[in-house]
C-alpha atoms as a PDB file:
ATOM      1  CA  MET A   1      10.590  33.223-142.941  1.00  0.00           C
ATOM      2  CA  ASP A   2       7.489  32.388-145.005  1.00  0.00           C
ATOM      3  CA  PHE A   3       4.800  35.002-145.663  1.00  0.00           C
ATOM      4  CA  LEU A   4       1.197  33.770-145.635  1.00  0.00           C
ATOM      5  CA  ARG A   5      -1.348  36.128-147.225  1.00  0.00           C
ATOM      6  CA  PRO A   6      -4.931  34.850-146.955  1.00  0.00           C
ATOM      7  CA  ALA A   7      -7.657  36.686-148.873  1.00  0.00           C
ATOM      8  CA  THR A   8     -10.537  35.721-146.559  1.00  0.00           C
ATOM      9  CA  TRP A   9     -11.082  35.173-142.850  1.00  0.00           C
ATOM     10  CA  GLN A  10     -11.668  31.460-143.376  1.00  0.00           C
ATOM     11  CA  GLU A  11      -8.369  31.175-145.238  1.00  0.00           C
ATOM     12  CA  ALA A  12      -6.668  32.975-142.336  1.00  0.00           C
ATOM     13  CA  LEU A  13      -8.121  30.521-139.817  1.00  0.00           C
ATOM     14  CA  ALA A  14      -7.019  27.582-141.945  1.00  0.00           C
ATOM     15  CA  ALA A  15      -3.502  29.010-142.202  1.00  0.00           C
ATOM     16  CA  LYS A  16      -3.325  29.537-138.446  1.00  0.00           C
ATOM     17  CA  ALA A  17      -4.520  25.976-137.854  1.00  0.00           C
ATOM     18  CA  ALA A  18      -1.842  24.650-140.203  1.00  0.00           C
ATOM     19  CA  HIS A  19       0.859  26.872-138.687  1.00  0.00           C
ATOM     20  CA  PRO A  20      -0.046  27.584-135.043  1.00  0.00           C
ATOM     21  CA  ALA A  21       3.241  29.431-134.416  1.00  0.00           C
ATOM     22  CA  ALA A  22       2.580  31.873-137.270  1.00  0.00           C
ATOM     23  CA  VAL A  23       2.624  35.484-136.062  1.00  0.00           C
ATOM     24  CA  PRO A  24      -0.317  37.582-137.286  1.00  0.00           C
ATOM     25  CA  ILE A  25       0.539  40.961-138.788  1.00  0.00           C
ATOM     26  CA  ALA A  26      -1.946  43.720-139.616  1.00  0.00           C
ATOM     27  CA  GLY A  27      -0.703  47.177-138.645  1.00  0.00           C
ATOM     28  CA  GLY A  28       2.723  45.692-137.949  1.00  0.00           C
ATOM     29  CA  THR A  29       3.603  48.412-135.463  1.00  0.00           C
ATOM     30  CA  ASP A  30       4.681  45.886-132.818  1.00  0.00           C
ATOM     31  CA  VAL A  31       5.698  42.939-135.002  1.00  0.00           C
ATOM     32  CA  MET A  32       8.088  44.860-137.231  1.00  0.00           C
ATOM     33  CA  VAL A  33       9.863  46.409-134.248  1.00  0.00           C
ATOM     34  CA  GLY A  34      10.446  42.940-132.834  1.00  0.00           C
ATOM     35  CA  ILE A  35      11.753  41.653-136.149  1.00  0.00           C
ATOM     36  CA  ASN A  36      13.973  44.682-136.761  1.00  0.00           C
ATOM     37  CA  PHE A  37      15.627  44.286-133.349  1.00  0.00           C
ATOM     38  CA  ASP A  38      15.884  40.513-133.814  1.00  0.00           C
ATOM     39  CA  HIS A  39      13.666  39.894-130.786  1.00  0.00           C
ATOM     40  CA  LEU A  40      11.215  38.031-132.988  1.00  0.00           C
ATOM     41  CA  ARG A  41      12.070  35.561-135.755  1.00  0.00           C
ATOM     42  CA  PRO A  42       8.974  33.478-136.601  1.00  0.00           C
ATOM     43  CA  ASP A  43       8.939  30.801-139.260  1.00  0.00           C
ATOM     44  CA  HIS A  44       5.720  32.264-140.671  1.00  0.00           C
ATOM     45  CA  LEU A  45       4.116  35.697-140.784  1.00  0.00           C
ATOM     46  CA  LEU A  46       0.342  35.697-141.285  1.00  0.00           C
ATOM     47  CA  ASP A  47      -0.672  38.858-143.134  1.00  0.00           C
ATOM     48  CA  LEU A  48      -4.267  39.900-142.328  1.00  0.00           C
ATOM     49  CA  THR A  49      -4.356  43.175-144.259  1.00  0.00           C
ATOM     50  CA  ARG A  50      -6.467  41.802-147.131  1.00  0.00           C
ATOM     51  CA  ILE A  51      -9.366  40.867-144.839  1.00  0.00           C
ATOM     52  CA  ASP A  52     -11.703  43.848-145.062  1.00  0.00           C
ATOM     53  CA  GLU A  53     -14.067  42.794-142.277  1.00  0.00           C
ATOM     54  CA  LEU A  54     -11.307  43.286-139.690  1.00  0.00           C
ATOM     55  CA  TYR A  55     -11.374  47.004-140.548  1.00  0.00           C
ATOM     56  CA  GLU A  56     -15.110  47.418-139.894  1.00  0.00           C
ATOM     57  CA  TRP A  57     -17.085  48.279-136.782  1.00  0.00           C
ATOM     58  CA  GLU A  58     -20.797  48.131-136.047  1.00  0.00           C
ATOM     59  CA  ARG A  59     -22.985  49.441-133.291  1.00  0.00           C
ATOM     60  CA  GLY A  60     -25.582  47.218-131.676  1.00  0.00           C
ATOM     61  CA  GLU A  61     -28.289  48.189-129.213  1.00  0.00           C
ATOM     62  CA  ARG A  62     -25.850  48.528-126.318  1.00  0.00           C
ATOM     63  CA  THR A  63     -22.463  47.462-127.672  1.00  0.00           C
ATOM     64  CA  VAL A  64     -19.904  48.241-130.322  1.00  0.00           C
ATOM     65  CA  ARG A  65     -18.295  45.380-132.208  1.00  0.00           C
ATOM     66  CA  LEU A  66     -14.882  46.721-133.155  1.00  0.00           C
ATOM     67  CA  GLY A  67     -12.968  44.846-135.838  1.00  0.00           C
ATOM     68  CA  ALA A  68      -9.494  43.836-134.697  1.00  0.00           C
ATOM     69  CA  SER A  69      -7.741  46.024-137.289  1.00  0.00           C
ATOM     70  CA  VAL A  70      -9.826  49.217-137.077  1.00  0.00           C
ATOM     71  CA  PRO A  71      -7.075  51.871-136.790  1.00  0.00           C
ATOM     72  CA  TYR A  72      -6.760  54.042-133.706  1.00  0.00           C
ATOM     73  CA  THR A  73      -7.380  57.104-135.873  1.00  0.00           C
ATOM     74  CA  ARG A  74     -10.871  55.862-136.691  1.00  0.00           C
ATOM     75  CA  VAL A  75     -11.568  55.069-133.041  1.00  0.00           C
ATOM     76  CA  MET A  76     -10.695  58.693-132.266  1.00  0.00           C
ATOM     77  CA  THR A  77     -12.804  60.195-135.036  1.00  0.00           C
ATOM     78  CA  GLU A  78     -15.748  57.785-135.335  1.00  0.00           C
ATOM     79  CA  LEU A  79     -16.249  56.306-131.849  1.00  0.00           C
ATOM     80  CA  ARG A  80     -15.615  59.222-129.514  1.00  0.00           C
ATOM     81  CA  ALA A  81     -19.194  59.205-128.213  1.00  0.00           C
ATOM     82  CA  GLU A  82     -19.608  55.422-127.984  1.00  0.00           C
ATOM     83  CA  LEU A  83     -16.157  54.527-126.589  1.00  0.00           C
ATOM     84  CA  PRO A  84     -14.774  57.732-125.019  1.00  0.00           C
ATOM     85  CA  GLY A  85     -12.186  56.019-122.815  1.00  0.00           C
ATOM     86  CA  LEU A  86     -10.725  54.051-125.711  1.00  0.00           C
ATOM     87  CA  ALA A  87     -10.763  57.178-127.897  1.00  0.00           C
ATOM     88  CA  LEU A  88      -8.787  59.072-125.259  1.00  0.00           C
ATOM     89  CA  ALA A  89      -6.287  56.224-125.023  1.00  0.00           C
ATOM     90  CA  ALA A  90      -5.989  56.131-128.818  1.00  0.00           C
ATOM     91  CA  HIS A  91      -4.904  59.783-128.778  1.00  0.00           C
ATOM     92  CA  THR A  92      -1.824  58.825-126.742  1.00  0.00           C
ATOM     93  CA  VAL A  93      -0.639  56.043-129.062  1.00  0.00           C
ATOM     94  CA  ALA A  94       2.743  56.861-130.586  1.00  0.00           C
ATOM     95  CA  SER A  95       2.581  59.019-133.735  1.00  0.00           C
ATOM     96  CA  PRO A  96      -0.085  59.817-136.375  1.00  0.00           C
ATOM     97  CA  GLN A  97       1.522  57.273-138.720  1.00  0.00           C
ATOM     98  CA  ILE A  98       1.243  54.493-136.147  1.00  0.00           C
ATOM     99  CA  ARG A  99      -2.288  55.535-135.158  1.00  0.00           C
ATOM    100  CA  ASN A 100      -3.232  55.215-138.835  1.00  0.00           C
ATOM    101  CA  ARG A 101      -1.889  51.652-138.981  1.00  0.00           C
ATOM    102  CA  GLY A 102      -2.217  50.118-135.525  1.00  0.00           C
ATOM    103  CA  GLY A 103      -5.393  48.713-134.009  1.00  0.00           C
ATOM    104  CA  VAL A 104      -6.727  47.251-130.795  1.00  0.00           C
ATOM    105  CA  GLY A 105      -6.335  43.667-132.002  1.00  0.00           C
ATOM    106  CA  GLY A 106      -2.575  44.070-132.293  1.00  0.00           C
ATOM    107  CA  ASN A 107      -2.372  45.639-128.836  1.00  0.00           C
ATOM    108  CA  LEU A 108      -4.275  42.692-127.401  1.00  0.00           C
ATOM    109  CA  GLY A 109      -2.208  40.134-129.287  1.00  0.00           C
ATOM    110  CA  THR A 110       1.053  41.602-128.014  1.00  0.00           C
ATOM    111  CA  ALA A 111      -0.427  41.857-124.498  1.00  0.00           C
ATOM    112  CA  SER A 112       2.300  44.184-123.272  1.00  0.00           C
ATOM    113  CA  PRO A 113       1.533  45.520-119.785  1.00  0.00           C
ATOM    114  CA  ALA A 114       2.281  48.987-121.202  1.00  0.00           C
ATOM    115  CA  GLY A 115      -0.182  48.763-124.125  1.00  0.00           C
ATOM    116  CA  ASP A 116      -2.278  51.918-124.258  1.00  0.00           C
ATOM    117  CA  ALA A 117      -5.593  50.265-125.123  1.00  0.00           C
ATOM    118  CA  HIS A 118      -5.636  47.798-122.231  1.00  0.00           C
ATOM    119  CA  PRO A 119      -6.634  50.078-119.317  1.00  0.00           C
ATOM    120  CA  ALA A 120      -9.547  51.544-121.301  1.00  0.00           C
ATOM    121  CA  LEU A 121     -10.756  48.083-122.328  1.00  0.00           C
ATOM    122  CA  LEU A 122     -10.587  46.890-118.718  1.00  0.00           C
ATOM    123  CA  ALA A 123     -12.496  49.921-117.452  1.00  0.00           C
ATOM    124  CA  ALA A 124     -15.161  49.475-120.120  1.00  0.00           C
ATOM    125  CA  GLY A 125     -15.535  45.727-119.524  1.00  0.00           C
ATOM    126  CA  ALA A 126     -14.704  44.539-123.047  1.00  0.00           C
ATOM    127  CA  GLU A 127     -14.879  41.022-124.445  1.00  0.00           C
ATOM    128  CA  ILE A 128     -12.478  39.642-127.034  1.00  0.00           C
ATOM    129  CA  GLU A 129     -13.967  37.619-129.902  1.00  0.00           C
ATOM    130  CA  ALA A 130     -11.490  34.836-130.666  1.00  0.00           C
ATOM    131  CA  GLU A 131     -11.961  32.328-133.448  1.00  0.00           C
ATOM    132  CA  SER A 132     -10.322  29.222-134.878  1.00  0.00           C
ATOM    133  CA  VAL A 133     -11.407  26.478-137.245  1.00  0.00           C
ATOM    134  CA  ARG A 134     -12.871  24.852-134.106  1.00  0.00           C
ATOM    135  CA  GLY A 135     -15.306  27.684-133.450  1.00  0.00           C
ATOM    136  CA  THR A 136     -15.766  31.095-131.843  1.00  0.00           C
ATOM    137  CA  ARG A 137     -15.622  32.171-128.208  1.00  0.00           C
ATOM    138  CA  ARG A 138     -15.798  35.423-126.260  1.00  0.00           C
ATOM    139  CA  ILE A 139     -13.080  36.031-123.646  1.00  0.00           C
ATOM    140  CA  PRO A 140     -13.767  38.618-120.910  1.00  0.00           C
ATOM    141  CA  VAL A 141     -10.945  41.151-120.890  1.00  0.00           C
ATOM    142  CA  ASP A 142     -10.353  40.441-117.187  1.00  0.00           C
ATOM    143  CA  ALA A 143      -9.347  36.882-118.112  1.00  0.00           C
ATOM    144  CA  PHE A 144      -7.426  37.725-121.276  1.00  0.00           C
ATOM    145  CA  TYR A 145      -4.033  38.710-119.847  1.00  0.00           C
ATOM    146  CA  THR A 146      -2.231  35.672-118.445  1.00  0.00           C
ATOM    147  CA  GLY A 147       1.347  36.931-117.952  1.00  0.00           C
ATOM    148  CA  VAL A 148       3.956  39.323-119.260  1.00  0.00           C
ATOM    149  CA  LYS A 149       3.166  39.567-122.996  1.00  0.00           C
ATOM    150  CA  ARG A 150       1.002  36.449-122.764  1.00  0.00           C
ATOM    151  CA  ASN A 151      -2.695  36.108-123.413  1.00  0.00           C
ATOM    152  CA  ALA A 152      -5.476  33.540-123.283  1.00  0.00           C
ATOM    153  CA  LEU A 153      -5.562  32.778-127.011  1.00  0.00           C
ATOM    154  CA  ALA A 154      -5.073  29.162-128.047  1.00  0.00           C
ATOM    155  CA  PRO A 155      -2.260  28.586-130.566  1.00  0.00           C
ATOM    156  CA  ASP A 156      -4.732  28.223-133.448  1.00  0.00           C
ATOM    157  CA  GLU A 157      -6.910  31.233-132.528  1.00  0.00           C
ATOM    158  CA  LEU A 158      -7.024  34.719-134.018  1.00  0.00           C
ATOM    159  CA  ILE A 159      -8.671  37.874-132.660  1.00  0.00           C
ATOM    160  CA  ARG A 160     -11.585  38.782-134.904  1.00  0.00           C
ATOM    161  CA  ALA A 161     -13.158  41.654-132.967  1.00  0.00           C
ATOM    162  CA  VAL A 162     -13.601  43.320-129.600  1.00  0.00           C
ATOM    163  CA  HIS A 163     -17.042  43.856-128.078  1.00  0.00           C
ATOM    164  CA  VAL A 164     -17.390  46.917-125.836  1.00  0.00           C
ATOM    165  CA  ASP A 165     -20.514  48.279-124.167  1.00  0.00           C
ATOM    166  CA  THR A 166     -21.305  51.781-125.354  1.00  0.00           C
ATOM    167  CA  ALA A 167     -20.561  54.255-122.581  1.00  0.00           C
ATOM    168  CA  ASP A 168     -23.491  55.018-120.291  1.00  0.00           C
ATOM    169  CA  GLY A 169     -21.402  57.492-118.286  1.00  0.00           C
ATOM    170  CA  PRO A 170     -18.170  59.486-118.438  1.00  0.00           C
ATOM    171  CA  GLN A 171     -14.877  57.687-119.020  1.00  0.00           C
ATOM    172  CA  GLN A 172     -11.338  58.971-118.639  1.00  0.00           C
ATOM    173  CA  PHE A 173      -7.789  57.892-119.477  1.00  0.00           C
ATOM    174  CA  SER A 174      -4.458  59.371-118.474  1.00  0.00           C
ATOM    175  CA  LYS A 175      -0.875  58.305-118.995  1.00  0.00           C
ATOM    176  CA  VAL A 176       2.557  59.247-117.656  1.00  0.00           C
ATOM    177  CA  GLY A 177       5.501  59.100-120.034  1.00  0.00           C
ATOM    178  CA  THR A 178       9.020  60.419-120.226  1.00  0.00           C
ATOM    179  CA  ARG A 179       7.934  62.814-122.998  1.00  0.00           C
ATOM    180  CA  ASN A 180       4.692  63.946-124.648  1.00  0.00           C
ATOM    181  CA  ALA A 181       4.654  61.691-127.734  1.00  0.00           C
ATOM    182  CA  MET A 182       6.152  58.489-129.161  1.00  0.00           C
ATOM    183  CA  VAL A 183       6.594  57.103-125.669  1.00  0.00           C
ATOM    184  CA  ILE A 184       5.920  53.861-123.815  1.00  0.00           C
ATOM    185  CA  ALA A 185       3.824  54.486-120.719  1.00  0.00           C
ATOM    186  CA  VAL A 186       5.596  54.701-117.382  1.00  0.00           C
ATOM    187  CA  CYS A 187       2.106  54.024-116.079  1.00  0.00           C
ATOM    188  CA  ALA A 188      -1.441  54.583-117.302  1.00  0.00           C
ATOM    189  CA  PHE A 189      -4.882  54.653-115.715  1.00  0.00           C
ATOM    190  CA  ALA A 190      -8.437  54.427-117.039  1.00  0.00           C
ATOM    191  CA  PHE A 191     -11.608  55.119-115.116  1.00  0.00           C
ATOM    192  CA  ALA A 192     -15.233  54.574-116.118  1.00  0.00           C
ATOM    193  CA  LEU A 193     -18.491  55.436-114.416  1.00  0.00           C
ATOM    194  CA  HIS A 194     -21.341  53.017-115.102  1.00  0.00           C
ATOM    195  CA  PRO A 195     -24.497  54.788-113.879  1.00  0.00           C
ATOM    196  CA  ARG A 196     -26.778  52.089-115.310  1.00  0.00           C
ATOM    197  CA  THR A 197     -25.431  49.581-112.791  1.00  0.00           C
ATOM    198  CA  ARG A 198     -24.176  52.219-110.319  1.00  0.00           C
ATOM    199  CA  THR A 199     -20.674  50.793-110.428  1.00  0.00           C
ATOM    200  CA  VAL A 200     -17.215  51.984-111.386  1.00  0.00           C
ATOM    201  CA  ARG A 201     -14.403  50.190-113.194  1.00  0.00           C
ATOM    202  CA  THR A 202     -10.705  50.883-113.505  1.00  0.00           C
ATOM    203  CA  GLY A 203      -7.790  49.814-115.661  1.00  0.00           C
ATOM    204  CA  VAL A 204      -4.110  50.140-114.772  1.00  0.00           C
ATOM    205  CA  GLY A 205      -1.273  49.806-117.259  1.00  0.00           C
ATOM    206  CA  SER A 206       2.490  49.427-116.903  1.00  0.00           C
ATOM    207  CA  ALA A 207       2.319  48.969-113.145  1.00  0.00           C
ATOM    208  CA  ALA A 208       2.093  45.173-112.844  1.00  0.00           C
ATOM    209  CA  PRO A 209       3.136  42.119-114.891  1.00  0.00           C
ATOM    210  CA  THR A 210      -0.182  42.428-116.780  1.00  0.00           C
ATOM    211  CA  PRO A 211      -2.774  45.163-117.229  1.00  0.00           C
ATOM    212  CA  ILE A 212      -4.999  44.994-114.144  1.00  0.00           C
ATOM    213  CA  ARG A 213      -8.091  46.358-112.467  1.00  0.00           C
ATOM    214  CA  ALA A 214      -7.957  47.872-108.990  1.00  0.00           C
ATOM    215  CA  GLY A 215     -10.777  45.704-107.676  1.00  0.00           C
ATOM    216  CA  THR A 216     -10.659  46.692-104.016  1.00  0.00           C
ATOM    217  CA  ALA A 217     -10.611  50.364-104.985  1.00  0.00           C
ATOM    218  CA  GLU A 218     -13.644  49.854-107.233  1.00  0.00           C
ATOM    219  CA  GLU A 219     -15.569  48.119-104.450  1.00  0.00           C
ATOM    220  CA  PHE A 220     -14.691  50.870-101.988  1.00  0.00           C
ATOM    221  CA  LEU A 221     -15.763  53.674-104.330  1.00  0.00           C
ATOM    222  CA  THR A 222     -18.986  51.941-105.374  1.00  0.00           C
ATOM    223  CA  ALA A 223     -19.923  51.498-101.709  1.00  0.00           C
ATOM    224  CA  ALA A 224     -18.978  55.090-100.878  1.00  0.00           C
ATOM    225  CA  PHE A 225     -21.157  56.433-103.696  1.00  0.00           C
ATOM    226  CA  ASP A 226     -24.094  54.356-102.444  1.00  0.00           C
ATOM    227  CA  GLU A 227     -23.643  55.266 -98.781  1.00  0.00           C
ATOM    228  CA  ASP A 228     -23.370  58.990 -99.517  1.00  0.00           C
ATOM    229  CA  GLY A 229     -26.167  58.947-102.119  1.00  0.00           C
ATOM    230  CA  LEU A 230     -23.893  60.587-104.662  1.00  0.00           C
ATOM    231  CA  TRP A 231     -25.464  59.006-107.753  1.00  0.00           C
ATOM    232  CA  ASP A 232     -28.717  60.824-107.033  1.00  0.00           C
ATOM    233  CA  SER A 233     -27.453  63.989-105.357  1.00  0.00           C
ATOM    234  CA  GLY A 234     -24.548  64.694-107.703  1.00  0.00           C
ATOM    235  CA  ARG A 235     -22.569  66.186-104.849  1.00  0.00           C
ATOM    236  CA  PRO A 236     -18.764  66.363-105.169  1.00  0.00           C
ATOM    237  CA  VAL A 237     -16.794  63.309-104.124  1.00  0.00           C
ATOM    238  CA  PRO A 238     -15.516  63.954-100.581  1.00  0.00           C
ATOM    239  CA  PRO A 239     -11.734  64.508-100.529  1.00  0.00           C
ATOM    240  CA  SER A 240     -11.319  61.681 -98.013  1.00  0.00           C
ATOM    241  CA  VAL A 241     -13.059  59.269-100.396  1.00  0.00           C
ATOM    242  CA  ALA A 242     -10.934  60.375-103.358  1.00  0.00           C
ATOM    243  CA  LYS A 243      -7.763  59.999-101.281  1.00  0.00           C
ATOM    244  CA  GLU A 244      -8.672  56.498-100.109  1.00  0.00           C
ATOM    245  CA  PHE A 245      -9.606  55.449-103.640  1.00  0.00           C
ATOM    246  CA  ALA A 246      -6.257  56.706-104.944  1.00  0.00           C
ATOM    247  CA  GLY A 247      -4.364  54.851-102.232  1.00  0.00           C
ATOM    248  CA  LEU A 248      -6.191  51.604-102.933  1.00  0.00           C
ATOM    249  CA  CYS A 249      -5.431  51.922-106.644  1.00  0.00           C
ATOM    250  CA  ALA A 250      -1.737  52.347-105.868  1.00  0.00           C
ATOM    251  CA  ALA A 251      -1.849  49.370-103.498  1.00  0.00           C
ATOM    252  CA  ALA A 252      -3.276  47.167-106.274  1.00  0.00           C
ATOM    253  CA  CYS A 253      -0.120  47.617-108.346  1.00  0.00           C
ATOM    254  CA  ALA A 254       2.959  45.404-108.469  1.00  0.00           C
ATOM    255  CA  PRO A 255       5.399  47.622-110.390  1.00  0.00           C
ATOM    256  CA  ILE A 256       9.086  47.182-111.150  1.00  0.00           C
ATOM    257  CA  ASP A 257      12.105  49.456-111.360  1.00  0.00           C
ATOM    258  CA  ASP A 258      13.298  49.942-114.931  1.00  0.00           C
ATOM    259  CA  VAL A 259      14.858  52.576-117.175  1.00  0.00           C
ATOM    260  CA  ARG A 260      11.537  54.425-117.482  1.00  0.00           C
ATOM    261  CA  GLY A 261      10.751  54.752-113.775  1.00  0.00           C
ATOM    262  CA  THR A 262      11.016  53.274-110.321  1.00  0.00           C
ATOM    263  CA  ALA A 263       8.406  51.120-108.660  1.00  0.00           C
ATOM    264  CA  ALA A 264       7.878  53.798-106.008  1.00  0.00           C
ATOM    265  CA  TYR A 265       7.293  56.468-108.633  1.00  0.00           C
ATOM    266  CA  ARG A 266       4.828  54.260-110.506  1.00  0.00           C
ATOM    267  CA  ARG A 267       2.779  53.690-107.353  1.00  0.00           C
ATOM    268  CA  HIS A 268       2.746  57.425-106.642  1.00  0.00           C
ATOM    269  CA  ALA A 269       1.808  58.265-110.237  1.00  0.00           C
ATOM    270  CA  VAL A 270      -1.032  55.722-110.308  1.00  0.00           C
ATOM    271  CA  ALA A 271      -2.483  57.307-107.169  1.00  0.00           C
ATOM    272  CA  VAL A 272      -2.312  60.756-108.778  1.00  0.00           C
ATOM    273  CA  LEU A 273      -3.884  59.536-112.020  1.00  0.00           C
ATOM    274  CA  ALA A 274      -6.616  57.680-110.133  1.00  0.00           C
ATOM    275  CA  ARG A 275      -7.634  60.785-108.215  1.00  0.00           C
ATOM    276  CA  ARG A 276      -7.520  63.004-111.292  1.00  0.00           C
ATOM    277  CA  THR A 277      -9.509  60.687-113.568  1.00  0.00           C
ATOM    278  CA  LEU A 278     -12.106  60.134-110.830  1.00  0.00           C
ATOM    279  CA  THR A 279     -12.472  63.906-110.416  1.00  0.00           C
ATOM    280  CA  TRP A 280     -12.716  64.567-114.163  1.00  0.00           C
ATOM    281  CA  ALA A 281     -15.259  61.806-114.729  1.00  0.00           C
ATOM    282  CA  TRP A 282     -17.391  62.747-111.726  1.00  0.00           C
ATOM    283  CA  GLU A 283     -17.460  66.423-112.679  1.00  0.00           C
ATOM    284  CA  SER A 284     -18.642  65.395-116.153  1.00  0.00           C
ATOM    285  CA  TYR A 285     -21.353  63.263-114.555  1.00  0.00           C
ATOM    286  CA  ARG A 286     -22.469  66.100-112.254  1.00  0.00           C
ATOM    287  CA  ARG A 287     -22.427  68.684-115.030  1.00  0.00           C
ATOM    288  CA  PRO A 288     -23.186  66.828-118.250  1.00  0.00           C
ATOM    289  CA  GLY A 289     -22.248  68.665-121.430  1.00  0.00           C
ATOM    290  CA  PRO A 290     -20.673  68.139-124.844  1.00  0.00           C
ATOM    291  CA  ALA A 291     -17.491  66.694-123.277  1.00  0.00           C
ATOM    292  CA  SER A 292     -19.197  64.528-120.639  1.00  0.00           C
ATOM    293  CA  GLY A 293     -17.613  61.399-122.095  1.00  0.00           C
ATOM    294  CA  GLY A 294     -14.105  62.799-121.781  1.00  0.00           C
ATOM    295  CA  ALA A 295     -12.447  65.794-123.385  1.00  0.00           C
ATOM    296  CA  LEU A 296     -10.502  65.007-126.555  1.00  0.00           C
END
């Protein structure tokens, strides 16, 4: 196994072009597990830890450009107001040591259906900035996941950054696991209110072959909010609406039975998480305060 260690982003792109099968490593929290268990044995590892720009983020007028290697710890401490859903998800990632090393770019590259960042990115409507020696493109997160642990990157592309709209309304994230820490999600759910466009978005993890959105549930809830005038009145969401939304979220899933949970349990849990995150987010919208973007 050869170890490639570029000093600049352009050197990294050139190395990836020369060795398309090279596996990028930054935090290493997924890659090293695969190597240690002999599930992964690449000919080349492409070390990105010397490239400082991957560890930087910047705020634009309405978006945050998050470098691929910005650690989860910094998302939690520096971007709580701008990206509350992703900050909540970051809190659930493994241990403090892994949160200090791992970043969103690695989660996206691995593309595991159980990755903690994916539901929050789906609910926020993120775009992935991918680059190669051929140029740069932006991939909508909805189109990024192509199969179990597969993504839309070309063999010579690397993830440079993730672009996420700054929250214009409350966002929530919740996860079910077999214990409280250091656990792979049995299922996870993210919910975001977008008052600017009067829409809602969801993200579901570990309940289908890829991270998904519950599109029919989103359409139903958006229509229900409009019909009942809830955006303007701020009245509570009717229980019947919350129940139907939860059921539609569960119906969007295609879970499996495995050692962490049954398909039936995952569907049930997604429905519970959908109702809870909707309630939490809507109460924050109705009664804005210091924690309106999600309690951390």
